[in-house]
Amino acid sequence: MIVRRTRLIGFTSRAVARLASLPVPHNRTENIALVEAEHRQHAVVELTIRDLKDQALAHFPSGQFNANSAWTVIACLAHNLTRWTTVTR
């Protein structure tokens, strides 16, 4: 079992403490360090999708698939560039 500390947002954060420990049961037989690393990578992807949905992906500019596809690619590039250039060292 992996226990993940996460920052709650929205309605849930007002109802309970801001940080919560969430148990994540699993049935994998690999080394726990590998399982935890893969779980953390997945959490980063989830946070990135959440950030994009709050920003550029909240509103698509067109009713055409190709235009919205280009918008999504540009939004992802901008998000990644912003994250890479603001990394604290």
N, C-alpha and C. Protein backbone atom coordinates (compact mmCIF):
# COMPACT_ATOMS: atom_id res chain seq x y z
N MET A 1 0.84 -1.18 0.00
CA MET A 1 0.00 0.00 0.00
C MET A 1 0.89 1.24 0.00
N ILE A 2 0.52 2.20 -0.80
CA ILE A 2 1.22 3.47 -0.87
C ILE A 2 0.33 4.53 -0.23
N VAL A 3 0.89 5.39 0.59
CA VAL A 3 0.13 6.49 1.18
C VAL A 3 0.61 7.78 0.53
N ARG A 4 -0.32 8.48 -0.08
CA ARG A 4 0.00 9.69 -0.84
C ARG A 4 -0.56 10.90 -0.12
N ARG A 5 0.30 11.88 0.14
CA ARG A 5 -0.16 13.15 0.70
C ARG A 5 -0.49 14.07 -0.45
N THR A 6 -1.67 14.64 -0.42
CA THR A 6 -2.10 15.49 -1.50
C THR A 6 -2.73 16.77 -0.96
N ARG A 7 -2.60 17.81 -1.73
CA ARG A 7 -3.20 19.10 -1.37
C ARG A 7 -4.61 19.13 -1.94
N LEU A 8 -5.58 19.34 -1.08
CA LEU A 8 -6.97 19.36 -1.53
C LEU A 8 -7.34 20.76 -1.98
N ILE A 9 -8.20 20.84 -2.99
CA ILE A 9 -8.67 22.13 -3.49
C ILE A 9 -10.18 22.08 -3.60
N GLY A 10 -10.78 23.24 -3.72
CA GLY A 10 -12.23 23.32 -3.93
C GLY A 10 -13.01 23.06 -2.66
N PHE A 11 -14.20 22.49 -2.83
CA PHE A 11 -15.12 22.26 -1.71
C PHE A 11 -14.50 21.35 -0.65
N THR A 12 -13.79 20.33 -1.09
CA THR A 12 -13.20 19.37 -0.16
C THR A 12 -12.23 20.04 0.79
N SER A 13 -11.47 21.02 0.31
CA SER A 13 -10.48 21.67 1.17
C SER A 13 -11.14 22.49 2.27
N ARG A 14 -12.35 22.99 2.03
CA ARG A 14 -13.05 23.74 3.07
C ARG A 14 -13.67 22.81 4.10
N ALA A 15 -13.99 21.58 3.70
CA ALA A 15 -14.64 20.64 4.60
C ALA A 15 -13.66 19.92 5.51
N VAL A 16 -12.44 19.68 5.01
CA VAL A 16 -11.44 18.95 5.79
C VAL A 16 -10.12 19.72 5.76
N ALA A 17 -9.12 19.16 6.38
CA ALA A 17 -7.80 19.81 6.39
C ALA A 17 -7.27 19.96 4.97
N ARG A 18 -6.38 20.90 4.77
CA ARG A 18 -5.85 21.18 3.43
C ARG A 18 -4.99 20.04 2.88
N LEU A 19 -4.28 19.33 3.73
CA LEU A 19 -3.48 18.19 3.29
C LEU A 19 -4.14 16.91 3.78
N ALA A 20 -4.25 15.94 2.91
CA ALA A 20 -4.85 14.67 3.28
C ALA A 20 -3.92 13.54 2.88
N SER A 21 -3.94 12.48 3.64
CA SER A 21 -3.18 11.28 3.31
C SER A 21 -4.15 10.27 2.72
N LEU A 22 -3.90 9.89 1.49
CA LEU A 22 -4.79 8.97 0.80
C LEU A 22 -4.09 7.64 0.58
N PRO A 23 -4.64 6.55 1.14
CA PRO A 23 -4.03 5.25 0.90
C PRO A 23 -4.36 4.75 -0.51
N VAL A 24 -3.38 4.20 -1.18
CA VAL A 24 -3.56 3.66 -2.53
C VAL A 24 -3.17 2.17 -2.49
N PRO A 25 -4.16 1.28 -2.37
CA PRO A 25 -3.82 -0.14 -2.36
C PRO A 25 -3.43 -0.61 -3.77
N HIS A 26 -2.58 -1.61 -3.83
CA HIS A 26 -2.17 -2.16 -5.12
C HIS A 26 -1.86 -3.64 -4.95
N ASN A 27 -1.84 -4.36 -6.05
CA ASN A 27 -1.55 -5.79 -5.99
C ASN A 27 -0.31 -6.13 -6.82
N ARG A 28 0.57 -5.18 -7.00
CA ARG A 28 1.78 -5.40 -7.80
C ARG A 28 2.85 -6.07 -6.96
N THR A 29 3.66 -6.89 -7.61
CA THR A 29 4.68 -7.64 -6.90
C THR A 29 6.08 -7.05 -7.09
N GLU A 30 6.20 -5.96 -7.84
CA GLU A 30 7.51 -5.34 -8.05
C GLU A 30 8.00 -4.68 -6.76
N ASN A 31 9.24 -4.23 -6.80
CA ASN A 31 9.84 -3.51 -5.69
C ASN A 31 9.00 -2.27 -5.37
N ILE A 32 8.81 -1.99 -4.09
CA ILE A 32 7.96 -0.87 -3.67
C ILE A 32 8.49 0.46 -4.17
N ALA A 33 9.81 0.61 -4.31
CA ALA A 33 10.39 1.86 -4.81
C ALA A 33 9.96 2.11 -6.26
N LEU A 34 9.92 1.06 -7.07
CA LEU A 34 9.48 1.19 -8.46
C LEU A 34 8.00 1.54 -8.53
N VAL A 35 7.19 0.88 -7.72
CA VAL A 35 5.75 1.15 -7.71
C VAL A 35 5.48 2.58 -7.28
N GLU A 36 6.18 3.04 -6.24
CA GLU A 36 5.99 4.41 -5.77
C GLU A 36 6.44 5.43 -6.82
N ALA A 37 7.55 5.17 -7.50
CA ALA A 37 8.03 6.08 -8.54
C ALA A 37 7.03 6.19 -9.69
N GLU A 38 6.48 5.07 -10.11
CA GLU A 38 5.48 5.10 -11.18
C GLU A 38 4.22 5.82 -10.72
N HIS A 39 3.84 5.64 -9.46
CA HIS A 39 2.67 6.32 -8.92
C HIS A 39 2.89 7.84 -8.89
N ARG A 40 4.08 8.26 -8.51
CA ARG A 40 4.39 9.70 -8.48
C ARG A 40 4.38 10.29 -9.89
N GLN A 41 4.90 9.56 -10.88
CA GLN A 41 4.87 10.04 -12.26
C GLN A 41 3.43 10.20 -12.73
N HIS A 42 2.59 9.26 -12.37
CA HIS A 42 1.18 9.34 -12.76
C HIS A 42 0.50 10.55 -12.09
N ALA A 43 0.88 10.82 -10.84
CA ALA A 43 0.31 11.97 -10.14
C ALA A 43 0.72 13.28 -10.81
N VAL A 44 1.95 13.36 -11.31
CA VAL A 44 2.40 14.57 -12.02
C VAL A 44 1.57 14.78 -13.28
N VAL A 45 1.28 13.70 -13.99
CA VAL A 45 0.46 13.80 -15.20
C VAL A 45 -0.94 14.28 -14.84
N GLU A 46 -1.52 13.75 -13.76
CA GLU A 46 -2.85 14.18 -13.34
C GLU A 46 -2.88 15.66 -12.99
N LEU A 47 -1.83 16.13 -12.30
CA LEU A 47 -1.78 17.55 -11.93
C LEU A 47 -1.64 18.44 -13.16
N THR A 48 -0.87 17.98 -14.14
CA THR A 48 -0.72 18.75 -15.38
C THR A 48 -2.05 18.85 -16.12
N ILE A 49 -2.77 17.76 -16.20
CA ILE A 49 -4.08 17.79 -16.86
C ILE A 49 -5.02 18.71 -16.10
N ARG A 50 -4.98 18.68 -14.76
CA ARG A 50 -5.83 19.57 -13.97
C ARG A 50 -5.48 21.03 -14.24
N ASP A 51 -4.18 21.35 -14.29
CA ASP A 51 -3.75 22.72 -14.56
C ASP A 51 -4.22 23.18 -15.94
N LEU A 52 -4.08 22.32 -16.95
CA LEU A 52 -4.49 22.68 -18.30
C LEU A 52 -6.00 22.88 -18.39
N LYS A 53 -6.77 22.06 -17.68
CA LYS A 53 -8.22 22.22 -17.69
C LYS A 53 -8.64 23.53 -17.03
N ASP A 54 -7.86 23.99 -16.05
CA ASP A 54 -8.17 25.26 -15.38
C ASP A 54 -7.76 26.46 -16.23
N GLN A 55 -6.87 26.24 -17.21
CA GLN A 55 -6.36 27.36 -17.99
C GLN A 55 -6.86 27.28 -19.42
N ALA A 56 -6.01 26.93 -20.34
CA ALA A 56 -6.31 27.02 -21.77
C ALA A 56 -7.35 26.02 -22.25
N LEU A 57 -7.45 24.87 -21.62
CA LEU A 57 -8.40 23.88 -22.09
C LEU A 57 -9.80 24.09 -21.52
N ALA A 58 -9.99 25.16 -20.75
CA ALA A 58 -11.32 25.45 -20.23
C ALA A 58 -12.24 25.98 -21.33
N HIS A 59 -11.65 26.53 -22.39
CA HIS A 59 -12.45 27.08 -23.47
C HIS A 59 -11.73 26.85 -24.80
N PHE A 60 -12.38 26.11 -25.67
CA PHE A 60 -11.81 25.89 -27.01
C PHE A 60 -12.34 26.98 -27.94
N PRO A 61 -11.49 27.53 -28.80
CA PRO A 61 -11.87 28.68 -29.61
C PRO A 61 -12.76 28.37 -30.80
N SER A 62 -12.93 27.12 -31.17
CA SER A 62 -13.62 26.83 -32.41
C SER A 62 -14.46 25.58 -32.27
N GLY A 63 -15.36 25.40 -33.23
CA GLY A 63 -16.16 24.19 -33.30
C GLY A 63 -15.53 23.16 -34.21
N GLN A 64 -14.37 23.46 -34.78
CA GLN A 64 -13.70 22.54 -35.69
C GLN A 64 -12.62 21.76 -34.96
N PHE A 65 -12.55 20.48 -35.26
CA PHE A 65 -11.61 19.60 -34.58
C PHE A 65 -10.16 20.03 -34.80
N ASN A 66 -9.78 20.34 -36.03
CA ASN A 66 -8.39 20.70 -36.32
C ASN A 66 -7.95 21.96 -35.58
N ALA A 67 -8.81 22.95 -35.51
CA ALA A 67 -8.47 24.18 -34.79
C ALA A 67 -8.32 23.90 -33.30
N ASN A 68 -9.22 23.09 -32.74
CA ASN A 68 -9.12 22.77 -31.32
C ASN A 68 -7.91 21.87 -31.02
N SER A 69 -7.55 21.03 -31.97
CA SER A 69 -6.36 20.20 -31.82
C SER A 69 -5.10 21.06 -31.77
N ALA A 70 -5.01 22.04 -32.67
CA ALA A 70 -3.87 22.96 -32.66
C ALA A 70 -3.85 23.77 -31.36
N TRP A 71 -5.00 24.19 -30.88
CA TRP A 71 -5.11 24.94 -29.62
C TRP A 71 -4.57 24.10 -28.46
N THR A 72 -4.91 22.82 -28.45
CA THR A 72 -4.45 21.92 -27.39
C THR A 72 -2.94 21.75 -27.42
N VAL A 73 -2.36 21.58 -28.60
CA VAL A 73 -0.91 21.43 -28.73
C VAL A 73 -0.20 22.71 -28.27
N ILE A 74 -0.69 23.86 -28.68
CA ILE A 74 -0.09 25.13 -28.27
C ILE A 74 -0.21 25.32 -26.76
N ALA A 75 -1.36 24.97 -26.20
CA ALA A 75 -1.55 25.10 -24.75
C ALA A 75 -0.57 24.21 -24.00
N CYS A 76 -0.37 22.98 -24.47
CA CYS A 76 0.58 22.06 -23.81
C CYS A 76 2.01 22.57 -23.92
N LEU A 77 2.38 23.08 -25.08
CA LEU A 77 3.73 23.64 -25.25
C LEU A 77 3.94 24.82 -24.31
N ALA A 78 2.97 25.72 -24.26
CA ALA A 78 3.09 26.89 -23.38
C ALA A 78 3.18 26.47 -21.92
N HIS A 79 2.38 25.50 -21.54
CA HIS A 79 2.40 25.01 -20.15
C HIS A 79 3.77 24.41 -19.81
N ASN A 80 4.30 23.58 -20.71
CA ASN A 80 5.60 22.97 -20.47
C ASN A 80 6.72 24.00 -20.43
N LEU A 81 6.70 24.95 -21.34
CA LEU A 81 7.72 26.01 -21.33
C LEU A 81 7.67 26.82 -20.05
N THR A 82 6.48 27.12 -19.60
CA THR A 82 6.32 27.87 -18.35
C THR A 82 6.88 27.07 -17.17
N ARG A 83 6.57 25.80 -17.11
CA ARG A 83 7.07 24.97 -16.01
C ARG A 83 8.58 24.82 -16.07
N TRP A 84 9.14 24.63 -17.26
CA TRP A 84 10.59 24.43 -17.40
C TRP A 84 11.37 25.69 -17.10
N THR A 85 10.82 26.85 -17.41
CA THR A 85 11.56 28.10 -17.19
C THR A 85 11.39 28.63 -15.78
N THR A 86 10.45 28.13 -15.01
CA THR A 86 10.24 28.61 -13.65
C THR A 86 10.69 27.59 -12.61
N VAL A 87 11.46 26.60 -13.00
CA VAL A 87 11.94 25.60 -12.07
C VAL A 87 12.95 26.25 -11.14
N THR A 88 12.75 26.05 -9.84
CA THR A 88 13.70 26.60 -8.87
C THR A 88 14.83 25.61 -8.68
N ARG A 89 16.02 26.11 -8.58
CA ARG A 89 17.20 25.25 -8.44
C ARG A 89 17.84 25.40 -7.11
